[in-house]
C-alpha cells in the first residue's frame, strides 16, 4: 500500500465507510433483538454481526497498512451485499439505515479494490 495523498484520502474514505457500516450493523442487530417478532429477524441479526465483524477487521488492516487487507476486501464486499439485501427486506428504520450503510460500504470497498 502506498502513502501518497491520493491513497491516504482513499484510505480515509474507506475507513469512514467501514466504520459507519460497523456502527449501523451493531445498532441494527441490537434493535432487531427488541422487535416483537425477533424470530423472524434471526438472519438479519446474524448477518449484521458478521458484517460488523468483517468491516471492523478490514478497517484495522487498512489502518495499519497490512498487505492482507486486499484479500479480505472481496469477502467484505460479499458480506456487506448479503447484509444489505437481508436488511432491505424489513421495513424497520434501523434495517433500512443498515442496508444503506452496507451498500455504501460495499461500493467503497469496490472502489478501493479497483
C-alpha atoms as a PDB file:
ATOM      1  CA  UNK A   1       0.000   0.000   0.000  1.00  0.00           C
ATOM      2  CA  UNK A   2       1.234   3.440  -0.806  1.00  0.00           C
ATOM      3  CA  UNK A   3       1.220   6.556   1.290  1.00  0.00           C
ATOM      4  CA  UNK A   4       0.524   9.141  -1.407  1.00  0.00           C
ATOM      5  CA  UNK A   5      -2.009  11.887  -0.624  1.00  0.00           C
ATOM      6  CA  UNK A   6      -4.487  10.292  -3.035  1.00  0.00           C
ATOM      7  CA  UNK A   7      -4.183   6.892  -1.372  1.00  0.00           C
ATOM      8  CA  UNK A   8      -4.422   8.472   2.086  1.00  0.00           C
ATOM      9  CA  UNK A   9      -7.685  10.146   1.047  1.00  0.00           C
ATOM     10  CA  UNK A  10      -8.951   6.887  -0.448  1.00  0.00           C
ATOM     11  CA  UNK A  11      -7.948   5.019   2.712  1.00  0.00           C
ATOM     12  CA  UNK A  12      -9.782   7.541   4.889  1.00  0.00           C
ATOM     13  CA  UNK A  13     -12.924   7.358   2.749  1.00  0.00           C
ATOM     14  CA  UNK A  14     -12.884   3.577   3.027  1.00  0.00           C
ATOM     15  CA  UNK A  15     -12.214   3.674   6.765  1.00  0.00           C
ATOM     16  CA  UNK A  16     -15.140   6.063   7.207  1.00  0.00           C
ATOM     17  CA  UNK A  17     -17.466   3.777   5.210  1.00  0.00           C
ATOM     18  CA  UNK A  18     -16.289   0.702   7.114  1.00  0.00           C
ATOM     19  CA  UNK A  19     -16.772   2.382  10.491  1.00  0.00           C
ATOM     20  CA  UNK A  20     -20.232   3.689   9.534  1.00  0.00           C
ATOM     21  CA  UNK A  21     -21.156   0.167   8.472  1.00  0.00           C
ATOM     22  CA  UNK A  22     -19.916  -1.316  11.750  1.00  0.00           C
ATOM     23  CA  UNK A  23     -21.995   1.190  13.728  1.00  0.00           C
ATOM     24  CA  UNK A  24     -25.108   0.670  11.585  1.00  0.00           C
ATOM     25  CA  UNK A  25     -24.843  -3.121  11.795  1.00  0.00           C
ATOM     26  CA  UNK A  26     -24.314  -3.104  15.558  1.00  0.00           C
ATOM     27  CA  UNK A  27     -27.281  -0.763  16.015  1.00  0.00           C
ATOM     28  CA  UNK A  28     -29.466  -2.839  13.695  1.00  0.00           C
ATOM     29  CA  UNK A  29     -28.639  -6.123  15.438  1.00  0.00           C
ATOM     30  CA  UNK A  30     -29.400  -4.634  18.841  1.00  0.00           C
ATOM     31  CA  UNK A  31     -32.640  -3.049  17.621  1.00  0.00           C
ATOM     32  CA  UNK A  32     -33.721  -6.298  15.934  1.00  0.00           C
ATOM     33  CA  UNK A  33     -33.384  -8.107  19.262  1.00  0.00           C
ATOM     34  CA  UNK A  34     -36.051  -5.777  20.627  1.00  0.00           C
ATOM     35  CA  UNK A  35     -38.527  -6.380  17.814  1.00  0.00           C
ATOM     36  CA  UNK A  36     -41.819  -8.109  18.612  1.00  0.00           C
ATOM     37  CA  UNK A  37     -41.188 -10.968  16.172  1.00  0.00           C
ATOM     38  CA  UNK A  38     -37.486 -11.413  16.858  1.00  0.00           C
ATOM     39  CA  UNK A  39     -37.530 -14.981  15.499  1.00  0.00           C
ATOM     40  CA  UNK A  40     -38.210 -13.505  12.058  1.00  0.00           C
ATOM     41  CA  UNK A  41     -35.102 -11.353  12.397  1.00  0.00           C
ATOM     42  CA  UNK A  42     -32.504 -14.057  13.047  1.00  0.00           C
ATOM     43  CA  UNK A  43     -30.959 -13.937   9.558  1.00  0.00           C
ATOM     44  CA  UNK A  44     -30.759 -10.157   9.790  1.00  0.00           C
ATOM     45  CA  UNK A  45     -29.117 -10.286  13.215  1.00  0.00           C
ATOM     46  CA  UNK A  46     -26.581 -12.922  12.152  1.00  0.00           C
ATOM     47  CA  UNK A  47     -25.616 -11.008   9.016  1.00  0.00           C
ATOM     48  CA  UNK A  48     -25.425  -7.741  10.973  1.00  0.00           C
ATOM     49  CA  UNK A  49     -22.963  -9.330  13.370  1.00  0.00           C
ATOM     50  CA  UNK A  50     -20.891 -10.932  10.603  1.00  0.00           C
ATOM     51  CA  UNK A  51     -20.829  -7.704   8.625  1.00  0.00           C
ATOM     52  CA  UNK A  52     -19.811  -5.619  11.635  1.00  0.00           C
ATOM     53  CA  UNK A  53     -17.006  -8.050  12.429  1.00  0.00           C
ATOM     54  CA  UNK A  54     -15.519  -8.224   8.937  1.00  0.00           C
ATOM     55  CA  UNK A  55     -15.794  -4.464   8.438  1.00  0.00           C
ATOM     56  CA  UNK A  56     -14.024  -3.840  11.755  1.00  0.00           C
ATOM     57  CA  UNK A  57     -11.265  -6.293  10.810  1.00  0.00           C
ATOM     58  CA  UNK A  58     -10.762  -4.768   7.362  1.00  0.00           C
ATOM     59  CA  UNK A  59     -10.682  -1.278   8.903  1.00  0.00           C
ATOM     60  CA  UNK A  60      -7.918  -2.345  11.298  1.00  0.00           C
ATOM     61  CA  UNK A  61      -5.910  -3.920   8.478  1.00  0.00           C
ATOM     62  CA  UNK A  62      -6.295  -0.843   6.252  1.00  0.00           C
ATOM     63  CA  UNK A  63      -5.322   1.466   9.119  1.00  0.00           C
ATOM     64  CA  UNK A  64      -2.097  -0.428   9.731  1.00  0.00           C
ATOM     65  CA  UNK A  65      -1.295  -0.763   6.027  1.00  0.00           C
ATOM     66  CA  UNK A  66      -1.490  -4.543   6.017  1.00  0.00           C
ATOM     67  CA  UNK A  67      -0.983  -6.353   2.739  1.00  0.00           C
ATOM     68  CA  UNK A  68      -3.759  -8.741   3.810  1.00  0.00           C
ATOM     69  CA  UNK A  69      -6.480  -6.100   3.584  1.00  0.00           C
ATOM     70  CA  UNK A  70      -6.825  -6.540  -0.177  1.00  0.00           C
ATOM     71  CA  UNK A  71      -7.578 -10.245   0.272  1.00  0.00           C
ATOM     72  CA  UNK A  72     -10.352  -9.631   2.778  1.00  0.00           C
ATOM     73  CA  UNK A  73     -11.911  -6.743   0.842  1.00  0.00           C
ATOM     74  CA  UNK A  74     -13.599  -9.226  -1.517  1.00  0.00           C
ATOM     75  CA  UNK A  75     -15.166 -11.084   1.384  1.00  0.00           C
ATOM     76  CA  UNK A  76     -16.190  -7.784   2.939  1.00  0.00           C
ATOM     77  CA  UNK A  77     -17.992  -6.799  -0.276  1.00  0.00           C
ATOM     78  CA  UNK A  78     -19.839 -10.124  -0.291  1.00  0.00           C
ATOM     79  CA  UNK A  79     -20.902  -9.923   3.354  1.00  0.00           C
ATOM     80  CA  UNK A  80     -21.937  -6.258   3.074  1.00  0.00           C
ATOM     81  CA  UNK A  81     -24.020  -7.062  -0.001  1.00  0.00           C
ATOM     82  CA  UNK A  82     -25.734 -10.011   1.700  1.00  0.00           C
ATOM     83  CA  UNK A  83     -26.407  -7.930   4.795  1.00  0.00           C
ATOM     84  CA  UNK A  84     -27.814  -5.060   2.723  1.00  0.00           C
ATOM     85  CA  UNK A  85     -30.118  -7.430   0.854  1.00  0.00           C
ATOM     86  CA  UNK A  86     -31.398  -9.026   4.053  1.00  0.00           C
ATOM     87  CA  UNK A  87     -31.904  -5.730   5.878  1.00  0.00           C
ATOM     88  CA  UNK A  88     -33.706  -4.258   2.876  1.00  0.00           C
ATOM     89  CA  UNK A  89     -36.426  -6.914   3.320  1.00  0.00           C
ATOM     90  CA  UNK A  90     -37.505  -5.335   6.607  1.00  0.00           C
ATOM     91  CA  UNK A  91     -39.386  -2.050   6.938  1.00  0.00           C
ATOM     92  CA  UNK A  92     -37.839  -1.099  10.259  1.00  0.00           C
ATOM     93  CA  UNK A  93     -35.926   2.201  10.038  1.00  0.00           C
ATOM     94  CA  UNK A  94     -32.823   0.621  11.597  1.00  0.00           C
ATOM     95  CA  UNK A  95     -32.845  -2.104   8.928  1.00  0.00           C
ATOM     96  CA  UNK A  96     -33.233   0.407   6.105  1.00  0.00           C
ATOM     97  CA  UNK A  97     -30.412   2.555   7.513  1.00  0.00           C
ATOM     98  CA  UNK A  98     -28.218  -0.521   7.870  1.00  0.00           C
ATOM     99  CA  UNK A  99     -28.949  -1.613   4.298  1.00  0.00           C
ATOM    100  CA  UNK A 100     -27.882   1.822   3.041  1.00  0.00           C
ATOM    101  CA  UNK A 101     -24.666   1.771   5.099  1.00  0.00           C
ATOM    102  CA  UNK A 102     -23.837  -1.738   3.874  1.00  0.00           C
ATOM    103  CA  UNK A 103     -24.408  -0.776   0.233  1.00  0.00           C
ATOM    104  CA  UNK A 104     -22.209   2.303   0.638  1.00  0.00           C
ATOM    105  CA  UNK A 105     -19.502   0.230   2.310  1.00  0.00           C
ATOM    106  CA  UNK A 106     -19.569  -2.414  -0.420  1.00  0.00           C
ATOM    107  CA  UNK A 107     -19.217   0.332  -3.027  1.00  0.00           C
ATOM    108  CA  UNK A 108     -16.314   1.958  -1.147  1.00  0.00           C
ATOM    109  CA  UNK A 109     -14.620  -1.449  -0.957  1.00  0.00           C
ATOM    110  CA  UNK A 110     -15.111  -1.984  -4.703  1.00  0.00           C
ATOM    111  CA  UNK A 111     -13.570   1.412  -5.446  1.00  0.00           C
ATOM    112  CA  UNK A 112     -10.637   0.672  -3.161  1.00  0.00           C
ATOM    113  CA  UNK A 113     -10.046  -2.754  -4.681  1.00  0.00           C
ATOM    114  CA  UNK A 114     -10.114  -1.283  -8.174  1.00  0.00           C
END
